[in-house]
Amino acid sequence: DADNPIFQAMTGQAVISASAIKRRAAVPQRCPVKSGTSAEALILKATAQTPEYAEAFFVLGNYYEAMEDMDAAQEQWNLALAMPNAPAWVRERAQIKLSNSE
């Protein structure tokens, strides 16, 4: 379902790449999300609608990393780590990202 916040965050993750973000690329036409929606908008919507999901904050950190805003990226990864319900994969990857960004 295209309205599912986790789907939106993962769709945002799918369009994150250094070249696509720098060009402000839109979501591909065949994607079931409204054309012209940015990765950042999808991920921010997911974090607003489901603030208890660490996955969305981890993905938002990945977005900021791709935008070369490491302070914002680290903040989001730390938020994801601080959530008691964060899945093990999120904790592990966020720790790795934080370690590599120091």
C-alpha atoms as a PDB file:
ATOM      1  CA  ASP A   1       0.000   0.000   0.000  1.00  0.00           C
ATOM      2  CA  ALA A   2       1.542   3.279  -1.121  1.00  0.00           C
ATOM      3  CA  ASP A   3       0.132   5.092   1.955  1.00  0.00           C
ATOM      4  CA  ASN A   4       2.031   2.848   4.384  1.00  0.00           C
ATOM      5  CA  PRO A   5       4.700   4.998   6.083  1.00  0.00           C
ATOM      6  CA  ILE A   6       7.276   2.211   6.119  1.00  0.00           C
ATOM      7  CA  PHE A   7       6.685   1.638   2.399  1.00  0.00           C
ATOM      8  CA  GLN A   8       7.206   5.362   1.874  1.00  0.00           C
ATOM      9  CA  ALA A   9      10.463   5.351   3.842  1.00  0.00           C
ATOM     10  CA  MET A  10      11.769   2.336   1.954  1.00  0.00           C
ATOM     11  CA  THR A  11      10.741   3.925  -1.349  1.00  0.00           C
ATOM     12  CA  GLY A  12      12.705   6.977  -0.261  1.00  0.00           C
ATOM     13  CA  GLN A  13      15.668   4.736   0.477  1.00  0.00           C
ATOM     14  CA  ALA A  14      15.366   3.171  -2.966  1.00  0.00           C
ATOM     15  CA  VAL A  15      15.756   6.508  -4.717  1.00  0.00           C
ATOM     16  CA  ILE A  16      18.697   7.634  -2.586  1.00  0.00           C
ATOM     17  CA  SER A  17      21.935   7.791  -4.510  1.00  0.00           C
ATOM     18  CA  ALA A  18      24.454  10.577  -4.644  1.00  0.00           C
ATOM     19  CA  SER A  19      23.775  11.384  -8.278  1.00  0.00           C
ATOM     20  CA  ALA A  20      19.984  11.134  -8.037  1.00  0.00           C
ATOM     21  CA  ILE A  21      19.792  13.343  -4.959  1.00  0.00           C
ATOM     22  CA  LYS A  22      22.093  15.972  -6.385  1.00  0.00           C
ATOM     23  CA  ARG A  23      19.831  16.145  -9.441  1.00  0.00           C
ATOM     24  CA  ARG A  24      16.768  16.189  -7.138  1.00  0.00           C
ATOM     25  CA  ALA A  25      15.405  13.233  -9.074  1.00  0.00           C
ATOM     26  CA  ALA A  26      11.757  12.357  -8.696  1.00  0.00           C
ATOM     27  CA  VAL A  27      10.395   8.949  -7.819  1.00  0.00           C
ATOM     28  CA  PRO A  28      10.261   6.784 -10.975  1.00  0.00           C
ATOM     29  CA  GLN A  29       6.929   6.832 -12.827  1.00  0.00           C
ATOM     30  CA  ARG A  30       6.203   3.142 -12.293  1.00  0.00           C
ATOM     31  CA  CYS A  31       6.475   3.531  -8.522  1.00  0.00           C
ATOM     32  CA  PRO A  32       3.035   3.625  -6.808  1.00  0.00           C
ATOM     33  CA  VAL A  33       3.920   6.920  -5.120  1.00  0.00           C
ATOM     34  CA  LYS A  34       2.885  10.252  -6.597  1.00  0.00           C
ATOM     35  CA  SER A  35       5.329  11.346  -9.294  1.00  0.00           C
ATOM     36  CA  GLY A  36       7.551  14.237  -8.301  1.00  0.00           C
ATOM     37  CA  THR A  37       7.710  13.220  -4.642  1.00  0.00           C
ATOM     38  CA  SER A  38      11.233  13.559  -3.323  1.00  0.00           C
ATOM     39  CA  ALA A  39      12.995  10.940  -1.260  1.00  0.00           C
ATOM     40  CA  GLU A  40      13.240  13.421   1.598  1.00  0.00           C
ATOM     41  CA  ALA A  41       9.487  14.116   1.539  1.00  0.00           C
ATOM     42  CA  LEU A  42       8.671  10.400   1.604  1.00  0.00           C
ATOM     43  CA  ILE A  43      10.996   9.697   4.498  1.00  0.00           C
ATOM     44  CA  LEU A  44       9.945  12.742   6.532  1.00  0.00           C
ATOM     45  CA  LYS A  45       6.305  11.715   6.088  1.00  0.00           C
ATOM     46  CA  ALA A  46       7.150   8.249   7.361  1.00  0.00           C
ATOM     47  CA  THR A  47       8.950   9.613  10.444  1.00  0.00           C
ATOM     48  CA  ALA A  48       6.029  11.945  11.201  1.00  0.00           C
ATOM     49  CA  GLN A  49       3.370   9.252  10.793  1.00  0.00           C
ATOM     50  CA  THR A  50       5.239   6.514  12.639  1.00  0.00           C
ATOM     51  CA  PRO A  51       7.646   8.116  15.109  1.00  0.00           C
ATOM     52  CA  GLU A  52       8.060   4.766  16.875  1.00  0.00           C
ATOM     53  CA  TYR A  53       9.713   3.100  13.855  1.00  0.00           C
ATOM     54  CA  ALA A  54      13.487   3.280  14.066  1.00  0.00           C
ATOM     55  CA  GLU A  55      13.725   2.097  10.471  1.00  0.00           C
ATOM     56  CA  ALA A  56      12.406   5.405   9.139  1.00  0.00           C
ATOM     57  CA  PHE A  57      14.933   7.414  11.167  1.00  0.00           C
ATOM     58  CA  PHE A  58      17.757   5.157  10.002  1.00  0.00           C
ATOM     59  CA  VAL A  59      16.698   5.752   6.391  1.00  0.00           C
ATOM     60  CA  LEU A  60      16.480   9.503   7.036  1.00  0.00           C
ATOM     61  CA  GLY A  61      20.063   9.353   8.287  1.00  0.00           C
ATOM     62  CA  ASN A  62      21.032   7.612   5.049  1.00  0.00           C
ATOM     63  CA  TYR A  63      19.359  10.386   3.088  1.00  0.00           C
ATOM     64  CA  TYR A  64      21.297  13.079   4.949  1.00  0.00           C
ATOM     65  CA  GLU A  65      24.509  11.103   4.476  1.00  0.00           C
ATOM     66  CA  ALA A  66      23.901  11.056   0.713  1.00  0.00           C
ATOM     67  CA  MET A  67      23.304  14.820   0.885  1.00  0.00           C
ATOM     68  CA  GLU A  68      26.686  15.097   2.666  1.00  0.00           C
ATOM     69  CA  ASP A  69      25.092  16.521   5.831  1.00  0.00           C
ATOM     70  CA  MET A  70      26.858  14.282   8.308  1.00  0.00           C
ATOM     71  CA  ASP A  71      25.680  16.151  11.420  1.00  0.00           C
ATOM     72  CA  ALA A  72      22.041  15.560  10.452  1.00  0.00           C
ATOM     73  CA  ALA A  73      22.803  11.957   9.455  1.00  0.00           C
ATOM     74  CA  GLN A  74      24.439  11.196  12.790  1.00  0.00           C
ATOM     75  CA  GLU A  75      21.532  12.779  14.649  1.00  0.00           C
ATOM     76  CA  GLN A  76      19.037  10.501  12.876  1.00  0.00           C
ATOM     77  CA  TRP A  77      21.141   7.367  13.384  1.00  0.00           C
ATOM     78  CA  ASN A  78      21.434   8.207  17.094  1.00  0.00           C
ATOM     79  CA  LEU A  79      17.658   8.666  17.289  1.00  0.00           C
ATOM     80  CA  ALA A  80      17.174   5.262  15.681  1.00  0.00           C
ATOM     81  CA  LEU A  81      19.614   3.676  18.156  1.00  0.00           C
ATOM     82  CA  ALA A  82      17.866   5.267  21.133  1.00  0.00           C
ATOM     83  CA  MET A  83      14.515   3.672  20.301  1.00  0.00           C
ATOM     84  CA  PRO A  84      13.856   0.677  22.531  1.00  0.00           C
ATOM     85  CA  ASN A  85      11.978  -1.157  19.778  1.00  0.00           C
ATOM     86  CA  ALA A  86      14.671  -0.722  17.105  1.00  0.00           C
ATOM     87  CA  PRO A  87      15.255  -3.994  15.257  1.00  0.00           C
ATOM     88  CA  ALA A  88      18.683  -5.584  15.587  1.00  0.00           C
ATOM     89  CA  TRP A  89      19.536  -4.847  11.947  1.00  0.00           C
ATOM     90  CA  VAL A  90      18.835  -1.135  12.463  1.00  0.00           C
ATOM     91  CA  ARG A  91      20.976  -1.038  15.599  1.00  0.00           C
ATOM     92  CA  GLU A  92      23.824  -2.858  13.888  1.00  0.00           C
ATOM     93  CA  ARG A  93      23.800  -0.731  10.735  1.00  0.00           C
ATOM     94  CA  ALA A  94      23.369   2.535  12.622  1.00  0.00           C
ATOM     95  CA  GLN A  95      26.362   1.665  14.815  1.00  0.00           C
ATOM     96  CA  ILE A  96      28.426   0.905  11.726  1.00  0.00           C
ATOM     97  CA  LYS A  97      27.365   4.168  10.073  1.00  0.00           C
ATOM     98  CA  LEU A  98      28.211   6.145  13.214  1.00  0.00           C
ATOM     99  CA  SER A  99      31.589   4.418  13.564  1.00  0.00           C
ATOM    100  CA  ASN A 100      32.458   5.098   9.936  1.00  0.00           C
ATOM    101  CA  SER A 101      31.429   8.760  10.123  1.00  0.00           C
ATOM    102  CA  GLU A 102      33.701   9.747  12.994  1.00  0.00           C
END
